[in-house]
Amino acid sequence: MSDFAYTPDFVFTEMVHFKTLVSEFENFTEQRRSVVANPRRMFTLKFRNRTKADMENVRDFFIAKKGEYAQFTWTNPNDSVEYNVRFDKDSSQFDNKAYEVYDFDIKFIEVI
């Protein structure tokens, strides 16, 4: 069972990122080299119209992981694969749009 078990709204964003080293020479030719064999995935999970309790649970999880410091597991609902991920940065924003109703986005980066 995954550490992060909160279900996002659909749709959420999945991005695949490769790392390529490009060397440009004086005659404008380029040499390209792949730095990694496998891509790194990044996910943006959207949570809309969530209760205060939902927001506090996700916020407390974020605080427990110290932002991007600690990795954890998360199961992608699209492919049912469990990924090792971390938060993409050390800060997070939770928008209070009405009385005890919140919107927030959470971004993960796959840890390879």
Protein backbone atom coordinates (compact mmCIF):
# COMPACT_ATOMS: atom_id res chain seq x y z
CA MET A 1 0.00 0.00 0.00
CA SER A 2 1.30 3.44 -0.93
CA ASP A 3 2.36 6.01 1.65
CA PHE A 4 0.40 8.80 -0.11
CA ALA A 5 -3.12 7.39 -0.38
CA TYR A 6 -5.12 10.53 -1.17
CA THR A 7 -7.02 10.37 -4.47
CA PRO A 8 -6.66 13.41 -6.73
CA ASP A 9 -9.29 14.78 -9.06
CA PHE A 10 -9.19 13.68 -12.67
CA VAL A 11 -7.52 14.82 -14.77
CA PHE A 12 -4.07 15.18 -13.35
CA THR A 13 -0.88 15.88 -15.27
CA GLU A 14 1.90 13.39 -15.96
CA MET A 15 5.11 14.60 -17.60
CA VAL A 16 8.00 12.47 -18.86
CA HIS A 17 11.44 14.10 -18.75
CA PHE A 18 14.69 12.93 -20.36
CA LYS A 19 18.12 14.41 -19.72
CA THR A 20 20.15 15.15 -22.86
CA LEU A 21 23.55 16.80 -22.94
CA VAL A 22 24.01 19.00 -26.03
CA SER A 23 27.46 20.25 -27.07
CA GLU A 24 27.51 22.96 -29.73
CA PHE A 25 30.69 23.46 -31.71
CA GLU A 26 32.10 26.59 -33.38
CA ASN A 27 30.76 25.53 -36.80
CA PHE A 28 27.23 25.24 -35.26
CA THR A 29 27.12 21.47 -35.40
CA GLU A 30 25.82 19.68 -32.34
CA GLN A 31 26.68 16.51 -30.53
CA ARG A 32 23.96 14.97 -28.36
CA ARG A 33 24.31 12.45 -25.58
CA SER A 34 21.63 10.90 -23.41
CA VAL A 35 22.62 11.24 -19.77
CA VAL A 36 20.02 8.83 -18.35
CA ALA A 37 18.69 5.57 -19.73
CA ASN A 38 15.17 5.93 -18.35
CA PRO A 39 12.97 9.03 -18.17
CA ARG A 40 11.94 10.68 -14.94
CA ARG A 41 8.23 11.20 -14.41
CA MET A 42 6.64 14.23 -12.84
CA PHE A 43 3.05 14.40 -11.66
CA THR A 44 0.74 17.29 -10.80
CA LEU A 45 -2.23 16.20 -8.71
CA LYS A 46 -5.18 18.56 -8.48
CA PHE A 47 -7.50 18.63 -5.49
CA ARG A 48 -10.63 20.78 -5.87
CA ASN A 49 -13.46 21.54 -3.43
CA ARG A 50 -11.90 19.52 -0.62
CA THR A 51 -12.90 19.69 3.01
CA LYS A 52 -10.74 21.24 5.68
CA ALA A 53 -10.01 17.73 7.01
CA ASP A 54 -8.79 16.60 3.57
CA MET A 55 -6.57 19.67 3.27
CA GLU A 56 -5.15 19.16 6.77
CA ASN A 57 -4.37 15.49 6.06
CA VAL A 58 -2.42 16.33 2.89
CA ARG A 59 -0.75 19.33 4.55
CA ASP A 60 0.30 17.21 7.55
CA PHE A 61 1.72 14.57 5.18
CA PHE A 62 3.69 17.31 3.39
CA ILE A 63 5.02 18.58 6.72
CA ALA A 64 5.91 15.05 7.88
CA LYS A 65 7.99 14.53 4.72
CA LYS A 66 9.64 17.95 5.21
CA GLY A 67 8.73 19.07 1.72
CA GLU A 68 11.10 17.66 -0.89
CA TYR A 69 13.41 16.11 1.72
CA ALA A 70 11.94 12.61 2.11
CA GLN A 71 10.73 10.21 -0.54
CA PHE A 72 7.58 8.12 -0.31
CA THR A 73 5.46 5.80 -2.45
CA TRP A 74 2.42 6.74 -4.51
CA THR A 75 0.26 4.62 -6.83
CA ASN A 76 -0.63 6.26 -10.12
CA PRO A 77 -4.37 5.69 -10.70
CA ASN A 78 -3.84 5.70 -14.49
CA ASP A 79 -1.49 2.71 -14.68
CA SER A 80 -1.75 1.26 -11.12
CA VAL A 81 2.05 1.37 -10.81
CA GLU A 82 3.57 2.33 -7.47
CA TYR A 83 6.26 5.00 -7.86
CA ASN A 84 8.92 6.26 -5.45
CA VAL A 85 8.39 10.01 -5.45
CA ARG A 86 9.14 13.18 -3.51
CA PHE A 87 7.50 16.59 -3.45
CA ASP A 88 8.90 18.93 -6.10
CA LYS A 89 9.68 21.78 -3.70
CA ASP A 90 9.80 22.74 -0.05
CA SER A 91 6.65 24.86 -0.06
CA SER A 92 3.01 24.16 -0.75
CA GLN A 93 -0.06 26.37 -1.15
CA PHE A 94 -3.60 25.62 0.02
CA ASP A 95 -6.30 28.02 -1.20
CA ASN A 96 -9.34 28.58 1.00
CA LYS A 97 -12.08 29.35 -1.55
CA ALA A 98 -15.08 29.20 0.80
CA TYR A 99 -15.85 28.29 4.38
CA GLU A 100 -13.86 25.06 4.97
CA VAL A 101 -13.55 24.42 1.21
CA TYR A 102 -10.05 24.22 -0.27
CA ASP A 103 -8.28 23.91 -3.61
CA PHE A 104 -4.65 22.82 -3.88
CA ASP A 105 -2.18 21.20 -6.27
CA ILE A 106 0.54 18.78 -5.27
CA LYS A 107 3.56 18.08 -7.49
CA PHE A 108 5.65 14.91 -7.31
CA ILE A 109 8.96 14.01 -8.96
CA GLU A 110 9.90 10.37 -9.43
CA VAL A 111 12.96 9.30 -7.45
CA ILE A 112 15.13 7.03 -9.57
